[in-house]
N, C-alpha and C. Protein backbone atom coordinates (compact mmCIF):
# COMPACT_ATOMS: atom_id res chain seq x y z
N MET A 1 -22.41 66.99 14.37
CA MET A 1 -22.84 67.28 13.01
C MET A 1 -22.12 66.36 12.01
N LEU A 2 -20.84 66.15 12.22
CA LEU A 2 -20.08 65.27 11.32
C LEU A 2 -20.63 63.85 11.36
N ASN A 3 -21.02 63.39 12.55
CA ASN A 3 -21.61 62.05 12.67
C ASN A 3 -22.88 61.92 11.83
N THR A 4 -23.69 62.97 11.82
CA THR A 4 -24.92 62.95 11.03
C THR A 4 -24.60 62.81 9.55
N PHE A 5 -23.59 63.54 9.07
CA PHE A 5 -23.20 63.45 7.66
C PHE A 5 -22.67 62.06 7.33
N ILE A 6 -21.93 61.45 8.25
CA ILE A 6 -21.40 60.10 8.03
C ILE A 6 -22.54 59.09 8.00
N GLU A 7 -23.51 59.23 8.91
CA GLU A 7 -24.67 58.33 8.91
C GLU A 7 -25.46 58.46 7.61
N ASP A 8 -25.63 59.72 7.13
CA ASP A 8 -26.31 59.93 5.85
C ASP A 8 -25.56 59.22 4.72
N TYR A 9 -24.25 59.35 4.71
CA TYR A 9 -23.42 58.71 3.69
C TYR A 9 -23.59 57.19 3.72
N ASN A 10 -23.56 56.61 4.90
CA ASN A 10 -23.68 55.15 5.03
C ASN A 10 -25.07 54.66 4.63
N ARG A 11 -26.09 55.46 4.86
CA ARG A 11 -27.47 55.07 4.55
C ARG A 11 -27.77 55.15 3.05
N HIS A 12 -27.15 56.08 2.36
CA HIS A 12 -27.42 56.28 0.94
C HIS A 12 -26.36 55.58 0.10
N GLU A 13 -26.76 54.47 -0.51
CA GLU A 13 -25.84 53.71 -1.35
C GLU A 13 -25.44 54.53 -2.57
N GLY A 14 -24.30 54.22 -3.12
CA GLY A 14 -23.84 54.94 -4.29
C GLY A 14 -22.83 56.01 -3.94
N GLY A 15 -22.65 56.24 -2.66
CA GLY A 15 -21.62 57.17 -2.21
C GLY A 15 -21.81 58.58 -2.72
N LEU A 16 -20.71 59.21 -3.02
CA LEU A 16 -20.72 60.62 -3.41
C LEU A 16 -21.38 60.89 -4.75
N PHE A 17 -21.68 59.86 -5.52
CA PHE A 17 -22.33 60.06 -6.81
C PHE A 17 -23.84 59.93 -6.72
N ASN A 18 -24.37 59.79 -5.54
CA ASN A 18 -25.81 59.64 -5.33
C ASN A 18 -26.45 61.01 -5.11
N PRO A 19 -27.31 61.48 -6.04
CA PRO A 19 -27.95 62.79 -5.87
C PRO A 19 -28.82 62.88 -4.62
N ALA A 20 -29.36 61.75 -4.15
CA ALA A 20 -30.17 61.76 -2.93
C ALA A 20 -29.31 62.15 -1.73
N LEU A 21 -28.10 61.64 -1.68
CA LEU A 21 -27.18 62.01 -0.60
C LEU A 21 -26.90 63.51 -0.62
N TRP A 22 -26.64 64.05 -1.81
CA TRP A 22 -26.37 65.49 -1.92
C TRP A 22 -27.58 66.32 -1.52
N ALA A 23 -28.78 65.84 -1.83
CA ALA A 23 -29.99 66.57 -1.44
C ALA A 23 -30.12 66.62 0.08
N VAL A 24 -29.88 65.50 0.74
CA VAL A 24 -29.97 65.46 2.20
C VAL A 24 -28.88 66.31 2.83
N TRP A 25 -27.66 66.23 2.30
CA TRP A 25 -26.58 67.05 2.82
C TRP A 25 -26.86 68.54 2.61
N ASN A 26 -27.40 68.90 1.45
CA ASN A 26 -27.72 70.31 1.21
C ASN A 26 -28.84 70.78 2.13
N PHE A 27 -29.81 69.90 2.42
CA PHE A 27 -30.86 70.23 3.38
C PHE A 27 -30.22 70.57 4.73
N ARG A 28 -29.29 69.74 5.20
CA ARG A 28 -28.64 69.98 6.49
C ARG A 28 -27.79 71.26 6.45
N TYR A 29 -27.10 71.47 5.35
CA TYR A 29 -26.32 72.70 5.17
C TYR A 29 -27.24 73.92 5.21
N GLY A 30 -28.39 73.83 4.54
CA GLY A 30 -29.35 74.93 4.53
C GLY A 30 -29.88 75.25 5.91
N LYS A 31 -30.16 74.22 6.72
CA LYS A 31 -30.58 74.43 8.12
C LYS A 31 -29.50 75.17 8.90
N TRP A 32 -28.26 74.74 8.69
CA TRP A 32 -27.14 75.38 9.37
C TRP A 32 -27.03 76.85 8.94
N ALA A 33 -27.10 77.11 7.64
CA ALA A 33 -26.98 78.48 7.13
C ALA A 33 -28.11 79.37 7.65
N GLN A 34 -29.29 78.81 7.75
CA GLN A 34 -30.45 79.57 8.22
C GLN A 34 -30.30 79.98 9.68
N ALA A 35 -29.53 79.25 10.45
CA ALA A 35 -29.36 79.54 11.87
C ALA A 35 -28.25 80.53 12.17
N ILE A 36 -27.50 80.95 11.17
CA ILE A 36 -26.40 81.90 11.39
C ILE A 36 -26.99 83.25 11.80
N LYS A 37 -26.44 83.82 12.86
CA LYS A 37 -26.95 85.09 13.40
C LYS A 37 -26.44 86.31 12.62
N PHE A 38 -25.20 86.26 12.15
CA PHE A 38 -24.59 87.40 11.46
C PHE A 38 -25.17 87.47 10.05
N LEU A 39 -25.99 88.49 9.78
CA LEU A 39 -26.78 88.56 8.55
C LEU A 39 -25.98 88.47 7.25
N PRO A 40 -24.85 89.18 7.12
CA PRO A 40 -24.11 89.05 5.85
C PRO A 40 -23.64 87.62 5.57
N LEU A 41 -23.20 86.92 6.61
CA LEU A 41 -22.77 85.52 6.42
C LEU A 41 -23.97 84.64 6.11
N ARG A 42 -25.09 84.85 6.83
CA ARG A 42 -26.30 84.05 6.54
C ARG A 42 -26.75 84.28 5.11
N TRP A 43 -26.69 85.52 4.64
CA TRP A 43 -27.09 85.83 3.27
C TRP A 43 -26.19 85.07 2.28
N PHE A 44 -24.87 85.13 2.50
CA PHE A 44 -23.94 84.48 1.59
C PHE A 44 -24.14 82.96 1.57
N PHE A 45 -24.17 82.33 2.76
CA PHE A 45 -24.32 80.88 2.82
C PHE A 45 -25.69 80.43 2.33
N SER A 46 -26.70 81.28 2.49
CA SER A 46 -28.02 80.95 1.95
C SER A 46 -28.03 80.98 0.43
N LYS A 47 -27.26 81.87 -0.16
CA LYS A 47 -27.14 81.90 -1.63
C LYS A 47 -26.44 80.63 -2.13
N VAL A 48 -25.43 80.18 -1.41
CA VAL A 48 -24.75 78.93 -1.78
C VAL A 48 -25.75 77.77 -1.67
N TYR A 49 -26.54 77.76 -0.60
CA TYR A 49 -27.58 76.74 -0.44
C TYR A 49 -28.55 76.76 -1.62
N GLY A 50 -29.00 77.94 -2.00
CA GLY A 50 -29.94 78.07 -3.12
C GLY A 50 -29.34 77.57 -4.43
N LEU A 51 -28.09 77.90 -4.69
CA LEU A 51 -27.42 77.42 -5.89
C LEU A 51 -27.29 75.90 -5.87
N ASN A 52 -26.90 75.35 -4.71
CA ASN A 52 -26.81 73.88 -4.59
C ASN A 52 -28.17 73.24 -4.83
N MET A 53 -29.22 73.84 -4.27
CA MET A 53 -30.56 73.28 -4.44
C MET A 53 -30.96 73.27 -5.92
N PHE A 54 -30.63 74.34 -6.62
CA PHE A 54 -30.93 74.42 -8.06
C PHE A 54 -30.16 73.33 -8.83
N ILE A 55 -28.89 73.16 -8.52
CA ILE A 55 -28.08 72.15 -9.21
C ILE A 55 -28.62 70.74 -8.91
N ILE A 56 -29.00 70.48 -7.66
CA ILE A 56 -29.54 69.16 -7.28
C ILE A 56 -30.88 68.93 -7.99
N LEU A 57 -31.69 69.97 -8.11
CA LEU A 57 -32.97 69.84 -8.81
C LEU A 57 -32.75 69.51 -10.29
N ILE A 58 -31.80 70.17 -10.90
CA ILE A 58 -31.52 69.94 -12.33
C ILE A 58 -30.90 68.56 -12.55
N THR A 59 -29.95 68.17 -11.71
CA THR A 59 -29.24 66.91 -11.95
C THR A 59 -29.94 65.69 -11.36
N GLY A 60 -30.64 65.86 -10.23
CA GLY A 60 -31.25 64.70 -9.57
C GLY A 60 -32.75 64.75 -9.47
N GLY A 61 -33.34 65.91 -9.78
CA GLY A 61 -34.78 66.04 -9.72
C GLY A 61 -35.34 66.03 -8.31
N ILE A 62 -34.55 66.43 -7.33
CA ILE A 62 -34.99 66.40 -5.93
C ILE A 62 -35.13 67.83 -5.42
N ARG A 63 -36.30 68.11 -4.83
CA ARG A 63 -36.55 69.41 -4.22
C ARG A 63 -36.86 69.17 -2.75
N LEU A 64 -35.86 69.40 -1.90
CA LEU A 64 -35.98 69.22 -0.46
C LEU A 64 -35.60 70.54 0.21
N HIS A 65 -36.61 71.32 0.57
CA HIS A 65 -36.40 72.65 1.16
C HIS A 65 -35.87 72.55 2.58
N ARG A 66 -35.08 73.51 2.97
CA ARG A 66 -34.54 73.52 4.33
C ARG A 66 -35.61 73.83 5.37
N GLU A 67 -36.76 74.31 4.96
CA GLU A 67 -37.84 74.61 5.89
C GLU A 67 -38.61 73.35 6.34
N VAL A 68 -38.43 72.24 5.64
CA VAL A 68 -39.09 70.99 6.01
C VAL A 68 -38.58 70.57 7.39
N THR A 69 -39.48 70.04 8.22
CA THR A 69 -39.07 69.50 9.52
C THR A 69 -38.87 68.00 9.34
N ILE A 70 -37.64 67.54 9.56
CA ILE A 70 -37.29 66.14 9.33
C ILE A 70 -36.61 65.57 10.57
N GLY A 71 -37.03 64.38 10.98
CA GLY A 71 -36.39 63.68 12.08
C GLY A 71 -35.09 63.03 11.64
N GLU A 72 -34.57 62.19 12.49
CA GLU A 72 -33.30 61.52 12.18
C GLU A 72 -33.50 60.37 11.21
N GLY A 73 -32.49 60.09 10.43
CA GLY A 73 -32.45 58.89 9.61
C GLY A 73 -33.27 58.92 8.33
N LEU A 74 -33.50 60.10 7.75
CA LEU A 74 -34.21 60.17 6.47
C LEU A 74 -33.41 59.42 5.41
N HIS A 75 -34.13 58.60 4.61
CA HIS A 75 -33.47 57.85 3.55
C HIS A 75 -34.23 58.06 2.25
N LEU A 76 -33.63 58.78 1.33
CA LEU A 76 -34.17 58.91 -0.02
C LEU A 76 -33.62 57.71 -0.79
N ILE A 77 -34.44 56.70 -0.91
CA ILE A 77 -33.97 55.39 -1.36
C ILE A 77 -33.47 55.42 -2.79
N HIS A 78 -34.20 56.03 -3.69
CA HIS A 78 -33.75 56.23 -5.06
C HIS A 78 -33.88 57.70 -5.39
N ALA A 79 -32.86 58.23 -5.98
CA ALA A 79 -32.89 59.64 -6.36
C ALA A 79 -33.78 59.82 -7.59
N GLY A 80 -34.38 60.96 -7.68
CA GLY A 80 -35.11 61.30 -8.89
C GLY A 80 -36.55 61.69 -8.65
N ASN A 81 -36.85 62.92 -8.97
CA ASN A 81 -38.21 63.44 -8.97
C ASN A 81 -38.90 63.30 -7.62
N ILE A 82 -38.23 63.75 -6.58
CA ILE A 82 -38.81 63.79 -5.24
C ILE A 82 -39.05 65.26 -4.90
N HIS A 83 -40.30 65.59 -4.58
CA HIS A 83 -40.64 66.97 -4.25
C HIS A 83 -41.36 66.99 -2.91
N ILE A 84 -40.81 67.74 -1.95
CA ILE A 84 -41.38 67.81 -0.61
C ILE A 84 -41.64 69.27 -0.27
N HIS A 85 -42.88 69.59 0.07
CA HIS A 85 -43.30 70.96 0.38
C HIS A 85 -42.61 71.45 1.65
N PRO A 86 -42.26 72.73 1.72
CA PRO A 86 -41.55 73.26 2.89
C PRO A 86 -42.28 73.12 4.21
N ASP A 87 -43.61 73.04 4.22
CA ASP A 87 -44.37 72.95 5.47
C ASP A 87 -44.55 71.52 5.97
N THR A 88 -44.02 70.56 5.26
CA THR A 88 -44.17 69.15 5.61
C THR A 88 -43.37 68.81 6.87
N VAL A 89 -43.90 67.88 7.67
CA VAL A 89 -43.20 67.36 8.84
C VAL A 89 -43.00 65.86 8.61
N ILE A 90 -41.75 65.40 8.71
CA ILE A 90 -41.40 64.00 8.50
C ILE A 90 -40.70 63.49 9.75
N GLY A 91 -41.14 62.33 10.26
CA GLY A 91 -40.57 61.75 11.47
C GLY A 91 -39.24 61.05 11.25
N ASP A 92 -38.84 60.27 12.22
CA ASP A 92 -37.56 59.56 12.20
C ASP A 92 -37.62 58.32 11.32
N ARG A 93 -36.49 58.01 10.71
CA ARG A 93 -36.27 56.75 9.96
C ARG A 93 -37.30 56.50 8.87
N CYS A 94 -37.60 57.51 8.09
CA CYS A 94 -38.55 57.36 6.98
C CYS A 94 -37.79 57.09 5.69
N GLY A 95 -38.38 56.24 4.86
CA GLY A 95 -37.81 55.92 3.56
C GLY A 95 -38.72 56.41 2.46
N ILE A 96 -38.14 57.10 1.48
CA ILE A 96 -38.91 57.66 0.37
C ILE A 96 -38.29 57.21 -0.94
N GLN A 97 -39.10 56.58 -1.78
CA GLN A 97 -38.66 56.15 -3.11
C GLN A 97 -38.71 57.33 -4.09
N HIS A 98 -38.41 57.07 -5.35
CA HIS A 98 -38.39 58.11 -6.38
C HIS A 98 -39.81 58.43 -6.88
N ASP A 99 -39.94 59.56 -7.57
CA ASP A 99 -41.20 60.03 -8.15
C ASP A 99 -42.27 60.28 -7.09
N VAL A 100 -41.88 60.74 -5.93
CA VAL A 100 -42.82 61.01 -4.84
C VAL A 100 -43.03 62.51 -4.69
N THR A 101 -44.30 62.89 -4.48
CA THR A 101 -44.65 64.27 -4.18
C THR A 101 -45.35 64.30 -2.82
N ILE A 102 -44.86 65.14 -1.94
CA ILE A 102 -45.47 65.35 -0.63
C ILE A 102 -45.74 66.85 -0.54
N GLY A 103 -47.02 67.22 -0.59
CA GLY A 103 -47.29 68.64 -0.64
C GLY A 103 -48.71 69.02 -0.28
N LYS A 104 -49.06 70.24 -0.64
CA LYS A 104 -50.36 70.78 -0.30
C LYS A 104 -51.39 70.42 -1.36
N ASN A 105 -52.65 70.58 -0.96
CA ASN A 105 -53.79 70.34 -1.83
C ASN A 105 -54.47 71.69 -2.03
N MET A 106 -54.86 72.02 -3.24
CA MET A 106 -55.45 73.33 -3.51
C MET A 106 -56.74 73.55 -2.73
N GLU A 107 -57.45 72.49 -2.42
CA GLU A 107 -58.76 72.64 -1.80
C GLU A 107 -58.71 72.66 -0.28
N ARG A 108 -57.64 72.13 0.32
CA ARG A 108 -57.54 72.09 1.78
C ARG A 108 -56.19 72.65 2.21
N LYS A 109 -56.20 73.55 3.17
CA LYS A 109 -54.95 74.16 3.62
C LYS A 109 -54.21 73.23 4.57
N GLY A 110 -52.91 73.26 4.48
CA GLY A 110 -52.07 72.46 5.35
C GLY A 110 -51.25 71.44 4.57
N ALA A 111 -50.14 71.03 5.20
CA ALA A 111 -49.22 70.07 4.58
C ALA A 111 -49.22 68.76 5.37
N PRO A 112 -48.76 67.69 4.78
CA PRO A 112 -48.74 66.39 5.45
C PRO A 112 -47.83 66.34 6.67
N LYS A 113 -48.22 65.50 7.61
CA LYS A 113 -47.41 65.17 8.78
C LYS A 113 -47.20 63.66 8.74
N ILE A 114 -45.95 63.27 8.63
CA ILE A 114 -45.60 61.86 8.45
C ILE A 114 -44.89 61.38 9.71
N GLY A 115 -45.34 60.27 10.27
CA GLY A 115 -44.79 59.73 11.51
C GLY A 115 -43.45 59.06 11.32
N ASP A 116 -43.03 58.35 12.36
CA ASP A 116 -41.75 57.63 12.36
C ASP A 116 -41.89 56.31 11.62
N ASP A 117 -40.79 55.85 11.04
CA ASP A 117 -40.68 54.53 10.41
C ASP A 117 -41.70 54.31 9.30
N VAL A 118 -41.96 55.34 8.53
CA VAL A 118 -42.92 55.27 7.42
C VAL A 118 -42.15 55.01 6.13
N TYR A 119 -42.72 54.14 5.29
CA TYR A 119 -42.16 53.85 3.97
C TYR A 119 -43.11 54.40 2.92
N ILE A 120 -42.58 55.18 1.98
CA ILE A 120 -43.38 55.77 0.91
C ILE A 120 -42.86 55.22 -0.41
N GLY A 121 -43.71 54.47 -1.12
CA GLY A 121 -43.33 53.78 -2.35
C GLY A 121 -43.24 54.69 -3.56
N THR A 122 -42.67 54.14 -4.61
CA THR A 122 -42.45 54.84 -5.87
C THR A 122 -43.74 55.45 -6.42
N GLY A 123 -43.68 56.71 -6.80
CA GLY A 123 -44.80 57.37 -7.45
C GLY A 123 -45.92 57.80 -6.53
N ALA A 124 -45.77 57.63 -5.23
CA ALA A 124 -46.84 58.02 -4.30
C ALA A 124 -46.98 59.53 -4.24
N LYS A 125 -48.22 59.97 -4.02
CA LYS A 125 -48.53 61.39 -3.85
C LYS A 125 -49.28 61.53 -2.54
N ILE A 126 -48.76 62.35 -1.65
CA ILE A 126 -49.40 62.61 -0.36
C ILE A 126 -49.72 64.10 -0.34
N LEU A 127 -51.01 64.43 -0.36
CA LEU A 127 -51.43 65.81 -0.55
C LEU A 127 -52.38 66.28 0.53
N GLY A 128 -52.14 67.49 1.00
CA GLY A 128 -53.04 68.13 1.95
C GLY A 128 -52.68 67.86 3.40
N PRO A 129 -53.55 68.32 4.30
CA PRO A 129 -53.28 68.20 5.74
C PRO A 129 -53.60 66.81 6.27
N VAL A 130 -52.87 65.82 5.80
CA VAL A 130 -53.09 64.44 6.23
C VAL A 130 -52.02 64.03 7.23
N THR A 131 -52.35 63.04 8.05
CA THR A 131 -51.41 62.49 9.01
C THR A 131 -51.17 61.03 8.66
N ILE A 132 -49.91 60.68 8.51
CA ILE A 132 -49.51 59.30 8.24
C ILE A 132 -48.94 58.76 9.56
N GLY A 133 -49.58 57.74 10.12
CA GLY A 133 -49.18 57.20 11.42
C GLY A 133 -47.85 56.47 11.39
N ASN A 134 -47.29 56.29 12.56
CA ASN A 134 -46.01 55.58 12.71
C ASN A 134 -46.09 54.18 12.12
N GLY A 135 -45.04 53.80 11.39
CA GLY A 135 -44.95 52.46 10.84
C GLY A 135 -45.86 52.18 9.66
N ALA A 136 -46.50 53.20 9.13
CA ALA A 136 -47.40 53.00 7.98
C ALA A 136 -46.59 52.76 6.71
N ARG A 137 -47.25 52.15 5.73
CA ARG A 137 -46.65 51.90 4.42
C ARG A 137 -47.56 52.52 3.38
N ILE A 138 -46.97 53.28 2.47
CA ILE A 138 -47.71 53.86 1.36
C ILE A 138 -47.23 53.13 0.11
N ALA A 139 -48.13 52.40 -0.54
CA ALA A 139 -47.77 51.58 -1.70
C ALA A 139 -47.40 52.46 -2.90
N ALA A 140 -46.76 51.85 -3.86
CA ALA A 140 -46.37 52.54 -5.08
C ALA A 140 -47.60 53.10 -5.80
N ASN A 141 -47.45 54.28 -6.36
CA ASN A 141 -48.49 54.95 -7.16
C ASN A 141 -49.80 55.18 -6.40
N THR A 142 -49.70 55.41 -5.10
CA THR A 142 -50.87 55.64 -4.27
C THR A 142 -51.09 57.14 -4.09
N LEU A 143 -52.35 57.56 -4.11
CA LEU A 143 -52.72 58.95 -3.84
C LEU A 143 -53.34 59.02 -2.45
N VAL A 144 -52.63 59.66 -1.52
CA VAL A 144 -53.11 59.76 -0.15
C VAL A 144 -53.67 61.16 0.06
N ILE A 145 -55.00 61.23 0.32
CA ILE A 145 -55.66 62.51 0.59
C ILE A 145 -56.46 62.45 1.90
N SER A 146 -56.29 61.37 2.65
CA SER A 146 -56.89 61.24 3.98
C SER A 146 -55.89 60.54 4.90
N ASP A 147 -56.15 60.59 6.18
CA ASP A 147 -55.21 60.06 7.17
C ASP A 147 -55.00 58.55 7.01
N VAL A 148 -53.79 58.12 7.36
CA VAL A 148 -53.43 56.69 7.35
C VAL A 148 -53.06 56.33 8.79
N PRO A 149 -53.76 55.37 9.40
CA PRO A 149 -53.46 55.02 10.79
C PRO A 149 -52.10 54.34 10.95
N PRO A 150 -51.57 54.34 12.17
CA PRO A 150 -50.28 53.69 12.42
C PRO A 150 -50.30 52.22 12.03
N GLY A 151 -49.23 51.76 11.42
CA GLY A 151 -49.07 50.36 11.07
C GLY A 151 -49.88 49.88 9.87
N ALA A 152 -50.67 50.76 9.27
CA ALA A 152 -51.53 50.36 8.15
C ALA A 152 -50.79 50.51 6.83
N THR A 153 -51.36 49.91 5.79
CA THR A 153 -50.85 50.06 4.44
C THR A 153 -51.92 50.76 3.61
N ALA A 154 -51.51 51.82 2.93
CA ALA A 154 -52.42 52.54 2.05
C ALA A 154 -52.08 52.17 0.61
N ILE A 155 -53.13 51.88 -0.18
CA ILE A 155 -52.90 51.46 -1.56
C ILE A 155 -54.05 51.94 -2.43
N GLY A 156 -53.72 52.41 -3.64
CA GLY A 156 -54.74 52.76 -4.61
C GLY A 156 -54.89 54.26 -4.83
N VAL A 157 -55.82 54.59 -5.74
CA VAL A 157 -56.12 55.97 -6.09
C VAL A 157 -57.62 56.16 -6.03
N PRO A 158 -58.16 56.89 -5.07
CA PRO A 158 -57.47 57.35 -3.87
C PRO A 158 -57.17 56.17 -2.95
N ALA A 159 -56.32 56.42 -1.97
CA ALA A 159 -55.83 55.35 -1.11
C ALA A 159 -56.93 54.69 -0.30
N ARG A 160 -56.86 53.37 -0.27
CA ARG A 160 -57.69 52.57 0.63
C ARG A 160 -56.76 52.02 1.70
N ILE A 161 -57.27 51.92 2.90
CA ILE A 161 -56.45 51.43 4.00
C ILE A 161 -56.62 49.92 4.11
N MET A 162 -55.53 49.23 4.03
CA MET A 162 -55.51 47.78 4.19
C MET A 162 -55.30 47.49 5.67
N LYS A 163 -55.87 46.40 6.15
CA LYS A 163 -55.72 46.04 7.55
C LYS A 163 -54.29 45.64 7.84
N TYR A 164 -53.92 45.79 9.09
CA TYR A 164 -52.60 45.38 9.56
C TYR A 164 -52.41 43.89 9.26
N THR A 165 -51.27 43.54 8.69
CA THR A 165 -51.04 42.16 8.25
C THR A 165 -50.33 41.30 9.28
N GLY A 166 -49.94 41.89 10.39
CA GLY A 166 -49.24 41.10 11.40
C GLY A 166 -47.76 41.00 11.16
N ARG A 167 -47.24 41.79 10.23
CA ARG A 167 -45.80 41.72 9.97
C ARG A 167 -45.05 42.18 11.21
N LYS A 168 -43.92 41.55 11.43
CA LYS A 168 -43.10 41.91 12.57
C LYS A 168 -42.36 43.21 12.27
N GLN A 169 -42.12 43.96 13.31
CA GLN A 169 -41.29 45.16 13.18
C GLN A 169 -39.84 44.71 13.06
N GLY A 170 -39.07 45.34 12.22
CA GLY A 170 -37.67 44.98 12.04
C GLY A 170 -37.50 43.85 11.05
N ASN A 171 -36.29 43.39 10.92
CA ASN A 171 -35.96 42.35 9.94
C ASN A 171 -36.24 40.96 10.51
N THR A 172 -36.71 40.09 9.66
CA THR A 172 -36.82 38.68 10.03
C THR A 172 -35.82 37.92 9.19
N SER A 173 -35.24 36.91 9.80
CA SER A 173 -34.22 36.15 9.08
C SER A 173 -34.88 35.23 8.05
N THR A 174 -34.10 34.76 7.12
CA THR A 174 -34.57 33.83 6.10
C THR A 174 -35.07 32.55 6.76
N GLU A 175 -34.39 32.13 7.81
CA GLU A 175 -34.78 30.91 8.52
C GLU A 175 -36.15 31.09 9.18
N GLU A 176 -36.41 32.27 9.79
CA GLU A 176 -37.71 32.53 10.41
C GLU A 176 -38.83 32.53 9.37
N ARG A 177 -38.56 33.09 8.19
CA ARG A 177 -39.56 33.11 7.12
C ARG A 177 -39.84 31.69 6.63
N ALA A 178 -38.81 30.86 6.52
CA ALA A 178 -38.99 29.48 6.07
C ALA A 178 -39.84 28.70 7.06
N VAL A 179 -39.61 28.87 8.35
CA VAL A 179 -40.39 28.20 9.39
C VAL A 179 -41.84 28.67 9.30
N SER A 180 -42.05 29.95 9.10
CA SER A 180 -43.39 30.51 8.99
C SER A 180 -44.13 29.94 7.77
N LEU A 181 -43.43 29.82 6.64
CA LEU A 181 -44.04 29.24 5.43
C LEU A 181 -44.40 27.79 5.65
N GLU A 182 -43.51 27.05 6.33
CA GLU A 182 -43.76 25.63 6.59
C GLU A 182 -44.99 25.46 7.48
N LYS A 183 -45.15 26.30 8.48
CA LYS A 183 -46.33 26.23 9.36
C LYS A 183 -47.59 26.52 8.58
N GLY A 184 -47.50 27.43 7.61
CA GLY A 184 -48.67 27.78 6.80
C GLY A 184 -49.11 26.65 5.89
N ARG A 185 -48.21 25.76 5.51
CA ARG A 185 -48.56 24.65 4.62
C ARG A 185 -49.26 23.51 5.36
N LYS A 186 -49.06 23.44 6.67
CA LYS A 186 -49.61 22.31 7.46
C LYS A 186 -51.05 22.56 7.81
């Protein structure tokens, strides 16, 4: 458990003054409190969780319920105005920018299911029982109300799916990008 907290700290820049880090830590604390078998202790620690959640919402604008199912390596890239519905499922190594809402749609029952290695840009809204495939990218200010296939980029209001661009998984070095640009000029 301590290793998870250290990994969260290293992933969220800004250290202890980053509200996104506190939101993720409070989420983990809330999961722990929810699993306590002795009811009086669970009640007490759950009240502490609720108070922390309220303070994080007021100071950082982040609402991350302990009922959300989240894989390893969640990264709230910028703190501020992030709201995630309790029924949402988020995979491993997902990055979420600020001003993002992930929640239900009044017309369709169900919450989003987000795969592994998904990036969600600033201001994106993902609503309803949609599935975001592994490695997908949601562009800034995009409204997602239908499924996004793995590796695709969704952009616009409502979202349109852009074809896979052939980008490599993982980081490419500056030298590799320069060689690629030079080949494109010839």
